[in-house]
């Protein structure tokens, strides 16, 4: 991979740059973290199975498993290109980084918790073996909109109240949910996903039924923030309950 294999764009939310690979790629994030650490990169603690936060002199760099790279708090395009070029040299020479070419299979977005990732509000998961079995015939793209929106794990439970997402402590986290939804849509477009299997009832991922905002486990008709955005953009979203 070289710099010419990427499309450069400016960050939409903060000063910085985004680099998108022109072809679908997927890297082994755990192995890359090991190699970056060995080479002296400072890896922050807030990471997930599908992205890495790296502290750099110029700000912060986020590397996604799709090899999308974001550099925040930087306005010098040449410096951004140099940072990414140096990173790619490291990646290309490393035998620890495993490339997965995604061909001849349908790409499906899946709530990461359904694949066993401990990313729910209480840092647990909703492992579903039937959905995992789909990996034999499809490429499953794990996603957690709450984490992509900048919320921590564990985090305070939230529900949709009116047009806002509010925690049980009364904090408005709507911006985080909307940002996570937009990032999820970007990933869906990058991988040409036409379908998503999301967690039932979630304020992000719920499809057709979500919690009613009273924190009493009662349900109402409606979609989560991310689900609503994906459906608006022509992506079919079903819950794990509908799949089973």
Protein backbone atom coordinates (compact mmCIF):
# COMPACT_ATOMS: atom_id res chain seq x y z
CA UNK A 1 0.00 0.00 0.00
CA UNK A 2 1.18 3.50 -0.90
CA UNK A 3 -0.18 6.99 -0.40
CA UNK A 4 -1.50 6.97 -3.98
CA UNK A 5 -3.81 4.10 -2.96
CA UNK A 6 -5.78 6.54 -0.77
CA UNK A 7 -8.32 9.30 -1.31
CA UNK A 8 -7.60 12.40 0.80
CA UNK A 9 -10.41 14.42 2.33
CA UNK A 10 -10.67 16.99 5.13
CA UNK A 11 -12.32 16.11 8.43
CA UNK A 12 -15.93 17.19 8.67
CA UNK A 13 -16.11 17.71 12.44
CA UNK A 14 -12.63 18.82 13.54
CA UNK A 15 -9.49 20.24 11.88
CA UNK A 16 -7.60 17.39 10.25
CA UNK A 17 -7.54 14.95 7.34
CA UNK A 18 -9.13 11.63 6.39
CA UNK A 19 -7.47 9.04 4.15
CA UNK A 20 -9.75 6.45 2.51
CA UNK A 21 -8.28 3.33 0.80
CA UNK A 22 -9.46 3.04 -2.81
CA UNK A 23 -9.82 -0.74 -2.50
CA UNK A 24 -11.41 -2.71 0.32
CA UNK A 25 -8.82 -3.87 2.82
CA UNK A 26 -8.99 -5.22 6.32
CA UNK A 27 -6.17 -5.42 8.84
CA UNK A 28 -5.68 -7.41 12.00
CA UNK A 29 -5.95 -4.63 14.57
CA UNK A 30 -4.48 -6.60 17.49
CA UNK A 31 -1.39 -7.52 15.51
CA UNK A 32 -0.97 -3.97 14.26
CA UNK A 33 -1.14 -2.60 17.81
CA UNK A 34 1.68 -4.95 18.81
CA UNK A 35 3.84 -3.81 15.93
CA UNK A 36 3.12 -0.09 16.39
CA UNK A 37 4.01 -0.40 20.07
CA UNK A 38 7.25 -2.16 19.18
CA UNK A 39 8.13 0.67 16.77
CA UNK A 40 7.61 3.35 19.42
CA UNK A 41 4.12 4.61 18.56
CA UNK A 42 2.08 5.66 21.61
CA UNK A 43 -1.21 3.75 21.64
CA UNK A 44 -3.92 5.33 23.81
CA UNK A 45 -6.04 3.09 26.03
CA UNK A 46 -9.34 3.85 24.30
CA UNK A 47 -9.30 1.30 21.45
CA UNK A 48 -11.61 -1.35 20.08
CA UNK A 49 -11.36 -4.46 17.90
CA UNK A 50 -11.89 -2.33 14.81
CA UNK A 51 -9.85 0.84 15.33
CA UNK A 52 -6.69 2.11 17.03
CA UNK A 53 -6.08 5.52 18.59
CA UNK A 54 -2.45 6.61 18.21
CA UNK A 55 -1.02 9.72 19.89
CA UNK A 56 1.34 11.66 17.61
CA UNK A 57 3.21 14.96 18.03
CA UNK A 58 0.77 16.73 15.72
CA UNK A 59 -2.38 15.47 17.43
CA UNK A 60 -4.16 12.14 17.23
CA UNK A 61 -4.36 9.47 14.53
CA UNK A 62 -7.11 6.85 14.30
CA UNK A 63 -6.53 3.73 12.18
CA UNK A 64 -9.61 1.64 11.34
CA UNK A 65 -9.56 -2.06 10.49
CA UNK A 66 -10.65 -0.99 6.99
CA UNK A 67 -7.39 1.05 6.88
CA UNK A 68 -9.28 4.32 6.85
CA UNK A 69 -6.95 6.77 8.62
CA UNK A 70 -8.00 9.98 10.38
CA UNK A 71 -5.54 12.59 11.64
CA UNK A 72 -7.11 15.19 13.94
CA UNK A 73 -5.94 18.66 14.98
CA UNK A 74 -3.64 19.14 12.00
CA UNK A 75 -3.98 21.73 9.21
CA UNK A 76 -0.76 21.03 7.27
CA UNK A 77 -1.63 18.64 4.42
CA UNK A 78 2.01 17.81 3.64
CA UNK A 79 2.63 16.80 7.26
CA UNK A 80 -0.47 14.61 7.21
CA UNK A 81 0.72 12.86 4.05
CA UNK A 82 4.16 12.31 5.59
CA UNK A 83 2.63 10.76 8.72
CA UNK A 84 0.51 8.37 6.66
CA UNK A 85 3.41 7.52 4.32
CA UNK A 86 5.60 6.59 7.30
CA UNK A 87 2.78 4.48 8.73
CA UNK A 88 2.31 2.63 5.44
CA UNK A 89 6.03 1.85 5.23
CA UNK A 90 5.79 0.27 8.67
CA UNK A 91 2.66 -1.67 7.76
CA UNK A 92 4.02 -2.93 4.45
CA UNK A 93 7.24 -4.24 5.96
CA UNK A 94 5.50 -5.92 8.86
CA UNK A 95 4.74 -9.60 8.55
CA UNK A 96 2.52 -9.25 11.61
CA UNK A 97 -0.17 -7.37 9.70
CA UNK A 98 -2.60 -9.76 8.06
CA UNK A 99 -4.46 -8.51 5.00
CA UNK A 100 -7.86 -9.97 4.32
CA UNK A 101 -9.05 -9.50 0.76
CA UNK A 102 -12.81 -9.37 0.73
CA UNK A 103 -14.03 -10.82 -2.56
CA UNK A 104 -17.06 -12.68 -3.83
CA UNK A 105 -18.96 -12.34 -0.55
CA UNK A 106 -21.72 -10.02 0.56
CA UNK A 107 -20.58 -7.45 3.14
CA UNK A 108 -23.01 -7.17 6.07
CA UNK A 109 -22.81 -4.67 8.92
CA UNK A 110 -23.35 -6.38 12.29
CA UNK A 111 -23.63 -4.96 15.79
CA UNK A 112 -20.27 -5.87 17.30
CA UNK A 113 -21.87 -7.10 20.53
CA UNK A 114 -23.67 -9.83 18.53
CA UNK A 115 -20.24 -11.12 17.47
CA UNK A 116 -19.03 -11.40 21.05
CA UNK A 117 -17.32 -8.01 21.42
CA UNK A 118 -17.71 -6.59 24.94
CA UNK A 119 -18.97 -3.19 23.85
CA UNK A 120 -22.45 -2.95 25.42
CA UNK A 121 -23.23 -0.22 27.95
CA UNK A 122 -22.19 -2.56 30.81
CA UNK A 123 -19.10 -3.87 28.96
CA UNK A 124 -20.61 -7.24 28.11
CA UNK A 125 -21.80 -8.77 24.82
CA UNK A 126 -24.80 -10.41 23.15
CA UNK A 127 -22.99 -13.25 21.40
CA UNK A 128 -25.17 -14.90 18.77
CA UNK A 129 -23.70 -18.07 17.27
CA UNK A 130 -26.22 -18.18 14.41
CA UNK A 131 -25.10 -14.75 13.24
CA UNK A 132 -21.43 -15.66 13.64
CA UNK A 133 -22.10 -18.67 11.41
CA UNK A 134 -22.95 -16.20 8.64
CA UNK A 135 -19.21 -15.53 8.29
CA UNK A 136 -18.97 -18.74 6.25
CA UNK A 137 -20.89 -17.12 3.43
CA UNK A 138 -20.62 -13.36 4.10
CA UNK A 139 -18.11 -10.79 5.28
CA UNK A 140 -19.35 -9.55 8.66
CA UNK A 141 -18.31 -5.96 9.41
CA UNK A 142 -18.50 -5.38 13.21
CA UNK A 143 -19.73 -1.97 14.24
CA UNK A 144 -20.56 -0.19 17.50
CA UNK A 145 -22.08 3.25 16.80
CA UNK A 146 -21.86 4.31 20.45
CA UNK A 147 -18.10 3.75 20.51
CA UNK A 148 -17.71 5.40 17.11
CA UNK A 149 -19.61 8.36 18.54
CA UNK A 150 -17.02 8.78 21.28
CA UNK A 151 -18.88 7.22 24.20
CA UNK A 152 -16.90 5.08 26.67
CA UNK A 153 -17.36 1.42 27.54
CA UNK A 154 -18.88 0.88 30.04
CA UNK A 155 -21.27 3.84 29.73
CA UNK A 156 -24.48 5.11 31.28
CA UNK A 157 -27.65 3.54 29.76
CA UNK A 158 -29.49 5.80 27.32
CA UNK A 159 -32.88 5.85 25.64
CA UNK A 160 -34.57 7.99 22.99
CA UNK A 161 -36.87 10.65 24.42
CA UNK A 162 -38.55 12.72 21.73
CA UNK A 163 -35.83 13.75 19.28
CA UNK A 164 -33.01 13.36 21.78
CA UNK A 165 -30.99 10.56 23.34
CA UNK A 166 -30.82 10.98 27.11
CA UNK A 167 -28.99 8.91 29.73
CA UNK A 168 -30.77 7.63 32.83
CA UNK A 169 -28.90 10.42 34.68
CA UNK A 170 -30.39 13.10 32.44
CA UNK A 171 -27.34 13.79 30.24
CA UNK A 172 -28.00 14.66 26.60
CA UNK A 173 -25.81 12.40 24.40
CA UNK A 174 -27.65 13.03 21.13
CA UNK A 175 -24.53 14.45 19.43
CA UNK A 176 -22.56 11.29 20.19
CA UNK A 177 -25.30 9.06 18.79
CA UNK A 178 -25.68 11.14 15.64
CA UNK A 179 -21.91 11.25 15.06
CA UNK A 180 -21.66 7.48 15.56
CA UNK A 181 -24.49 7.00 13.07
CA UNK A 182 -22.70 9.11 10.45
CA UNK A 183 -19.45 7.19 10.96
CA UNK A 184 -21.34 3.91 10.62
CA UNK A 185 -22.86 5.09 7.35
CA UNK A 186 -19.37 5.98 6.07
CA UNK A 187 -18.16 2.47 6.83
CA UNK A 188 -21.26 0.96 5.20
CA UNK A 189 -20.53 2.93 2.04
CA UNK A 190 -16.81 2.05 2.09
CA UNK A 191 -17.65 -1.65 2.17
CA UNK A 192 -20.71 -1.37 -0.08
CA UNK A 193 -22.97 -2.90 2.59
CA UNK A 194 -26.60 -3.23 1.55
CA UNK A 195 -27.72 -5.01 4.71
CA UNK A 196 -27.23 -4.72 8.47
CA UNK A 197 -28.09 -7.04 11.37
CA UNK A 198 -28.36 -4.92 14.51
CA UNK A 199 -29.13 -5.34 18.20
CA UNK A 200 -32.80 -5.40 19.10
CA UNK A 201 -34.18 -2.40 21.09
CA UNK A 202 -30.92 -0.40 21.15
CA UNK A 203 -31.19 3.44 20.93
CA UNK A 204 -28.56 3.23 18.16
CA UNK A 205 -29.27 -0.08 16.48
CA UNK A 206 -32.87 -0.91 17.33
CA UNK A 207 -35.10 -1.72 14.36
CA UNK A 208 -38.90 -1.26 14.48
CA UNK A 209 -38.95 -1.49 18.29
CA UNK A 210 -36.92 0.52 20.82
CA UNK A 211 -37.17 1.30 24.53
CA UNK A 212 -39.78 3.99 25.22
CA UNK A 213 -37.60 6.46 27.14
CA UNK A 214 -38.91 5.66 30.64
CA UNK A 215 -36.05 3.29 31.54
CA UNK A 216 -38.66 0.74 32.60
CA UNK A 217 -37.91 -1.85 29.87
CA UNK A 218 -41.11 -0.90 28.04
CA UNK A 219 -40.99 -0.78 24.23
CA UNK A 220 -42.42 1.48 21.56
CA UNK A 221 -42.42 1.47 17.77
CA UNK A 222 -39.42 3.19 16.24
CA UNK A 223 -35.83 2.89 15.05
CA UNK A 224 -32.52 3.67 16.70
CA UNK A 225 -30.51 6.69 15.55
CA UNK A 226 -28.09 4.69 13.39
CA UNK A 227 -30.77 2.39 12.01
CA UNK A 228 -32.89 5.35 10.93
CA UNK A 229 -29.95 6.92 9.04
CA UNK A 230 -29.01 3.66 7.32
CA UNK A 231 -32.59 3.00 6.22
CA UNK A 232 -32.80 6.56 4.88
CA UNK A 233 -29.77 5.73 2.72
CA UNK A 234 -31.25 2.54 1.30
CA UNK A 235 -29.61 -0.01 3.60
CA UNK A 236 -31.84 -2.81 4.87
CA UNK A 237 -31.67 -3.17 8.65
CA UNK A 238 -33.06 -6.10 10.62
CA UNK A 239 -32.63 -7.12 14.25
CA UNK A 240 -31.12 -10.39 15.40
CA UNK A 241 -34.63 -11.41 16.42
CA UNK A 242 -35.88 -11.01 12.84
CA UNK A 243 -32.88 -12.91 11.47
CA UNK A 244 -33.42 -15.89 13.76
